[in-house]
Amino acid sequence: MKVFIGYVSLSGNTEKMAVIIKNRMKAAGCKVYMERLDTLEVDTLKDFDLAFIGFYTWNKEDLPYEANEFYEEIEQVDFQGVKVAFFGAGDLTHTKPCAEQ
C-alpha cells in the first residue's frame, strides 16, 4: 500500500505525530512518502492509496497559513479511491480541545 503523510507544524508536535504514523505504516509494510503541505503539489495525492493530513491548531477555527494553498487547490483534483485521515494535536487552552468551538 502506498501511503502519503502531509503535515504543517508550528511547535513540532504535528511533525512528531507524522513521524509516529510514518513509522507505524512502514512497520506494517507500506511504502511511505512524507512531506510538508506547504511544499506539496496537491494532485500528487491521487497516486496514493491512503493519505494522512495533519494540521496544527491555529486561532480556534483558522487553517494554518502554510496550508492555505493546499486547501484552495484540493477541490480541483479527483481523489476517488484515496482514503484520507486527518490528524492534529489540538490546543488544550481551548474550552473543548479538538472540538468545534
Protein backbone atom coordinates (compact mmCIF):
# COMPACT_ATOMS: atom_id res chain seq x y z
CA MET A 1 0.00 0.00 0.00
CA LYS A 2 1.28 3.48 -0.90
CA VAL A 3 0.79 5.94 1.97
CA PHE A 4 1.24 9.70 1.97
CA ILE A 5 1.68 11.74 5.13
CA GLY A 6 1.39 15.51 4.78
CA TYR A 7 1.59 17.97 7.63
CA VAL A 8 2.27 21.51 8.77
CA SER A 9 3.79 22.01 12.20
CA LEU A 10 4.49 25.13 14.22
CA SER A 11 5.78 23.78 17.55
CA GLY A 12 6.92 20.40 16.23
CA ASN A 13 4.07 18.38 17.78
CA THR A 14 2.26 17.71 14.50
CA GLU A 15 5.54 16.71 12.87
CA LYS A 16 6.23 14.26 15.72
CA MET A 17 2.78 12.75 15.17
CA ALA A 18 3.50 12.44 11.44
CA VAL A 19 6.74 10.59 12.18
CA ILE A 20 4.91 8.18 14.50
CA ILE A 21 2.35 7.46 11.76
CA LYS A 22 5.17 7.02 9.23
CA ASN A 23 6.98 4.51 11.45
CA ARG A 24 3.78 2.53 12.08
CA MET A 25 2.90 2.42 8.38
CA LYS A 26 6.44 1.31 7.44
CA ALA A 27 6.32 -1.39 10.12
CA ALA A 28 3.09 -2.62 8.51
CA GLY A 29 4.90 -2.98 5.18
CA CYS A 30 3.61 0.16 3.48
CA LYS A 31 5.60 2.37 1.14
CA VAL A 32 5.51 5.77 2.83
CA TYR A 33 6.13 9.24 1.45
CA MET A 34 6.10 12.21 3.85
CA GLU A 35 6.20 15.93 3.02
CA ARG A 36 5.19 19.29 4.43
CA LEU A 37 1.93 20.51 2.91
CA ASP A 38 3.38 23.91 2.02
CA THR A 39 5.79 22.24 -0.45
CA LEU A 40 3.33 19.72 -1.92
CA GLU A 41 1.69 19.61 -5.34
CA VAL A 42 -1.88 18.61 -4.38
CA ASP A 43 -2.50 16.36 -7.38
CA THR A 44 0.33 14.12 -6.12
CA LEU A 45 -2.11 12.67 -3.57
CA LYS A 46 -4.19 10.89 -6.21
CA ASP A 47 -1.28 8.46 -6.69
CA PHE A 48 -1.64 7.06 -3.15
CA ASP A 49 -3.97 4.51 -1.55
CA LEU A 50 -4.09 6.29 1.80
CA ALA A 51 -3.26 9.84 2.90
CA PHE A 52 -2.82 11.26 6.39
CA ILE A 53 -3.10 15.05 6.60
CA GLY A 54 -2.02 16.86 9.78
CA PHE A 55 -2.54 20.45 10.85
CA TYR A 56 -1.67 22.33 14.00
CA THR A 57 -4.36 24.21 15.88
CA TRP A 58 -4.45 27.88 14.99
CA ASN A 59 -6.71 30.63 16.32
CA LYS A 60 -9.60 28.25 17.12
CA GLU A 61 -11.00 27.69 13.62
CA ASP A 62 -8.44 29.13 11.22
CA LEU A 63 -6.45 26.99 8.85
CA PRO A 64 -2.68 27.37 9.36
CA TYR A 65 -1.38 29.80 6.75
CA GLU A 66 1.05 27.16 5.37
CA ALA A 67 -1.95 25.02 4.37
CA ASN A 68 -3.94 27.73 2.56
CA GLU A 69 -2.68 26.92 -0.94
CA PHE A 70 -3.17 23.18 -0.34
CA TYR A 71 -6.74 23.81 0.81
CA GLU A 72 -7.53 26.07 -2.16
CA GLU A 73 -6.26 23.51 -4.69
CA ILE A 74 -7.77 20.37 -3.17
CA GLU A 75 -11.19 20.77 -4.87
CA GLN A 76 -9.54 20.75 -8.30
CA VAL A 77 -8.28 17.14 -8.00
CA ASP A 78 -10.26 13.89 -8.28
CA PHE A 79 -9.32 11.81 -5.23
CA GLN A 80 -11.72 8.96 -5.93
CA GLY A 81 -10.36 5.77 -4.36
CA VAL A 82 -7.96 7.55 -1.99
CA LYS A 83 -8.76 7.14 1.69
CA VAL A 84 -7.91 10.21 3.77
CA ALA A 85 -7.49 10.68 7.51
CA PHE A 86 -6.84 13.97 9.28
CA PHE A 87 -4.87 14.39 12.49
CA GLY A 88 -3.76 17.12 14.87
CA ALA A 89 -2.77 17.62 18.47
CA GLY A 90 -5.46 20.13 19.44
CA ASP A 91 -4.99 23.09 21.74
CA LEU A 92 -5.51 22.46 25.44
CA THR A 93 -6.09 26.19 26.07
CA HIS A 94 -9.48 25.89 24.37
CA THR A 95 -12.52 25.07 26.48
CA LYS A 96 -13.12 21.91 24.44
CA PRO A 97 -9.80 20.80 22.89
CA CYS A 98 -10.15 19.33 19.38
CA ALA A 99 -13.86 20.18 19.34
CA GLU A 100 -15.81 22.75 17.41
CA GLN A 101 -16.00 25.95 19.44
